[in-house]
Amino acid sequence: MDKEQIVKRKLLLTEWAKKLYSIPDEVWFKPFNQGTWGTADVISHFISWDQFLIENRLPFLLREESFPAMVFDSELINKSASEYARSGISKENLLSEFILIRKSLVSLIELLPLATFKRPYPLKKDISISEYFIGLINHDLKHKEQIDEFLNSYY
């Protein structure tokens, strides 16, 4: 997958997300299964990880610098995302925030030179930066399908 396709696919999720504005609030927060996330949690999850990339990955890729040494807890990031989704923020504001942050992320990806996509990903030398982004796209699609299946079974 080339840079143009990566940008397009990352941005496509914003168009899909616009359809979620019409979900009733009782469905917006309803878990997919007992003890799992609901749609609101997943959208907040997208926001948290996009923000992580914006702050901790893309600036370093743009400057062709090594990533800073850091310890992060993905479980804590995901838990915080779920808490944020349920903090009282409206569905409309959460969706708008996701769309804005995803567009910001895509804008930064667009700034990366083509050659960057062929380089090894700094933290996993066995994959390229392009393959790293493909993995992120697949992750997006997994969650999108999860939401779509839930909504299709609900209605």
Protein backbone atom coordinates (compact mmCIF):
# COMPACT_ATOMS: atom_id res chain seq x y z
CA MET A 1 0.00 0.00 0.00
CA ASP A 2 1.49 3.33 -0.98
CA LYS A 3 1.37 6.66 0.86
CA GLU A 4 -1.66 7.90 -1.07
CA GLN A 5 -3.67 4.79 -0.20
CA ILE A 6 -2.63 4.99 3.45
CA VAL A 7 -3.78 8.61 3.65
CA LYS A 8 -7.05 7.80 1.89
CA ARG A 9 -7.81 4.81 4.11
CA LYS A 10 -7.00 6.65 7.35
CA LEU A 11 -9.29 9.49 6.25
CA LEU A 12 -12.15 7.21 5.16
CA LEU A 13 -12.95 6.45 8.77
CA THR A 14 -14.02 10.07 9.27
CA GLU A 15 -16.70 9.69 6.58
CA TRP A 16 -17.95 6.52 8.22
CA ALA A 17 -17.93 8.20 11.66
CA LYS A 18 -20.27 10.95 10.42
CA LYS A 19 -22.99 8.29 10.11
CA LEU A 20 -22.72 7.63 13.84
CA TYR A 21 -24.21 11.01 14.79
CA SER A 22 -27.67 9.49 14.36
CA ILE A 23 -27.17 6.66 16.88
CA PRO A 24 -29.48 7.03 19.90
CA ASP A 25 -27.63 7.64 23.16
CA GLU A 26 -28.79 4.36 24.68
CA VAL A 27 -27.14 2.52 21.77
CA TRP A 28 -24.07 4.80 21.72
CA PHE A 29 -23.00 3.58 25.17
CA LYS A 30 -24.37 0.02 25.00
CA PRO A 31 -21.59 -2.61 25.22
CA PHE A 32 -21.19 -4.90 22.21
CA ASN A 33 -21.26 -7.84 24.63
CA GLN A 34 -21.34 -8.06 28.39
CA GLY A 35 -18.17 -6.56 29.81
CA THR A 36 -16.96 -5.07 26.52
CA TRP A 37 -16.80 -1.62 25.02
CA GLY A 38 -19.53 0.21 23.21
CA THR A 39 -19.37 2.53 20.22
CA ALA A 40 -18.52 5.57 22.36
CA ASP A 41 -15.56 3.75 23.88
CA VAL A 42 -14.16 2.77 20.48
CA ILE A 43 -14.42 6.31 19.10
CA SER A 44 -12.61 7.60 22.18
CA HIS A 45 -10.02 4.82 21.71
CA PHE A 46 -9.39 6.13 18.16
CA ILE A 47 -8.91 9.63 19.57
CA SER A 48 -6.43 8.49 22.23
CA TRP A 49 -4.25 6.52 19.83
CA ASP A 50 -4.38 9.16 17.08
CA GLN A 51 -3.26 11.71 19.67
CA PHE A 52 -0.48 9.37 20.76
CA LEU A 53 0.75 9.14 17.17
CA ILE A 54 0.51 12.90 16.70
CA GLU A 55 2.55 13.59 19.84
CA ASN A 56 4.93 10.63 20.07
CA ARG A 57 5.54 9.20 16.62
CA LEU A 58 4.93 11.51 13.67
CA PRO A 59 7.03 14.48 14.82
CA PHE A 60 10.03 12.16 15.10
CA LEU A 61 9.36 10.53 11.75
CA LEU A 62 9.06 13.98 10.17
CA ARG A 63 12.39 15.09 11.65
CA GLU A 64 13.96 11.70 10.91
CA GLU A 65 14.86 11.33 14.58
CA SER A 66 14.71 8.31 16.85
CA PHE A 67 11.64 7.93 18.97
CA PRO A 68 12.15 9.12 22.53
CA ALA A 69 12.63 6.48 25.18
CA MET A 70 9.30 6.20 26.89
CA VAL A 71 7.23 3.79 28.83
CA PHE A 72 3.55 3.77 28.06
CA ASP A 73 0.79 1.52 29.23
CA SER A 74 -1.61 0.65 26.42
CA GLU A 75 -4.10 -0.77 28.94
CA LEU A 76 -4.10 2.55 30.80
CA ILE A 77 -4.52 4.52 27.57
CA ASN A 78 -7.49 2.33 26.62
CA LYS A 79 -9.02 2.58 30.10
CA SER A 80 -8.63 6.37 30.04
CA ALA A 81 -10.24 6.48 26.61
CA SER A 82 -13.27 4.58 27.89
CA GLU A 83 -13.51 6.84 30.94
CA TYR A 84 -13.34 9.91 28.70
CA ALA A 85 -16.13 8.56 26.48
CA ARG A 86 -18.31 8.21 29.58
CA SER A 87 -17.23 11.46 31.28
CA GLY A 88 -20.24 13.41 30.12
CA ILE A 89 -18.90 14.49 26.73
CA SER A 90 -21.71 14.45 24.21
CA LYS A 91 -21.78 12.01 21.33
CA GLU A 92 -21.62 14.96 18.93
CA ASN A 93 -18.56 16.44 20.61
CA LEU A 94 -16.76 13.10 20.81
CA LEU A 95 -17.39 12.36 17.14
CA SER A 96 -16.36 15.89 16.14
CA GLU A 97 -13.19 15.56 18.20
CA PHE A 98 -12.39 12.24 16.53
CA ILE A 99 -12.91 13.67 13.05
CA LEU A 100 -10.73 16.70 13.82
CA ILE A 101 -7.92 14.66 15.36
CA ARG A 102 -7.99 12.06 12.59
CA LYS A 103 -7.73 14.84 9.99
CA SER A 104 -4.78 16.31 11.92
CA LEU A 105 -3.12 12.89 11.96
CA VAL A 106 -3.64 12.47 8.23
CA SER A 107 -2.22 15.96 7.58
CA LEU A 108 0.98 14.93 9.35
CA ILE A 109 1.15 11.64 7.47
CA GLU A 110 0.83 13.60 4.22
CA LEU A 111 3.94 15.58 5.17
CA LEU A 112 6.09 12.46 5.36
CA PRO A 113 8.38 12.04 2.33
CA LEU A 114 7.63 9.00 0.16
CA ALA A 115 10.99 7.48 1.04
CA THR A 116 10.03 7.41 4.73
CA PHE A 117 7.37 4.80 4.07
CA LYS A 118 9.99 2.33 2.83
CA ARG A 119 12.27 2.71 5.85
CA PRO A 120 12.17 0.24 8.75
CA TYR A 121 9.84 1.20 11.55
CA PRO A 122 12.15 2.38 14.37
CA LEU A 123 10.72 0.11 17.06
CA LYS A 124 10.24 -2.99 14.90
CA LYS A 125 13.01 -3.31 12.35
CA ASP A 126 11.26 -6.24 10.63
CA ILE A 127 8.47 -4.01 9.26
CA SER A 128 8.51 -0.83 7.23
CA ILE A 129 6.82 2.38 8.25
CA SER A 130 4.29 1.67 5.49
CA GLU A 131 3.55 -1.74 7.03
CA TYR A 132 3.17 -0.09 10.43
CA PHE A 133 0.50 2.24 9.02
CA ILE A 134 -1.19 -0.70 7.28
CA GLY A 135 -1.40 -2.39 10.69
CA LEU A 136 -3.05 0.73 12.11
CA ILE A 137 -5.54 0.75 9.24
CA ASN A 138 -6.36 -2.91 9.88
CA HIS A 139 -6.89 -2.07 13.54
CA ASP A 140 -9.27 0.73 12.55
CA LEU A 141 -11.17 -1.65 10.27
CA LYS A 142 -11.45 -4.29 12.99
CA HIS A 143 -13.15 -1.78 15.29
CA LYS A 144 -15.29 -0.37 12.46
CA GLU A 145 -16.55 -3.86 11.66
CA GLN A 146 -17.21 -4.46 15.34
CA ILE A 147 -19.39 -1.35 15.50
CA ASP A 148 -21.11 -2.07 12.18
CA GLU A 149 -21.94 -5.65 13.22
CA PHE A 150 -23.28 -4.45 16.54
CA LEU A 151 -25.44 -1.76 14.96
CA ASN A 152 -26.71 -4.15 12.28
CA SER A 153 -27.72 -6.68 14.94
CA TYR A 154 -29.27 -3.98 17.11
CA TYR A 155 -31.54 -2.50 14.45
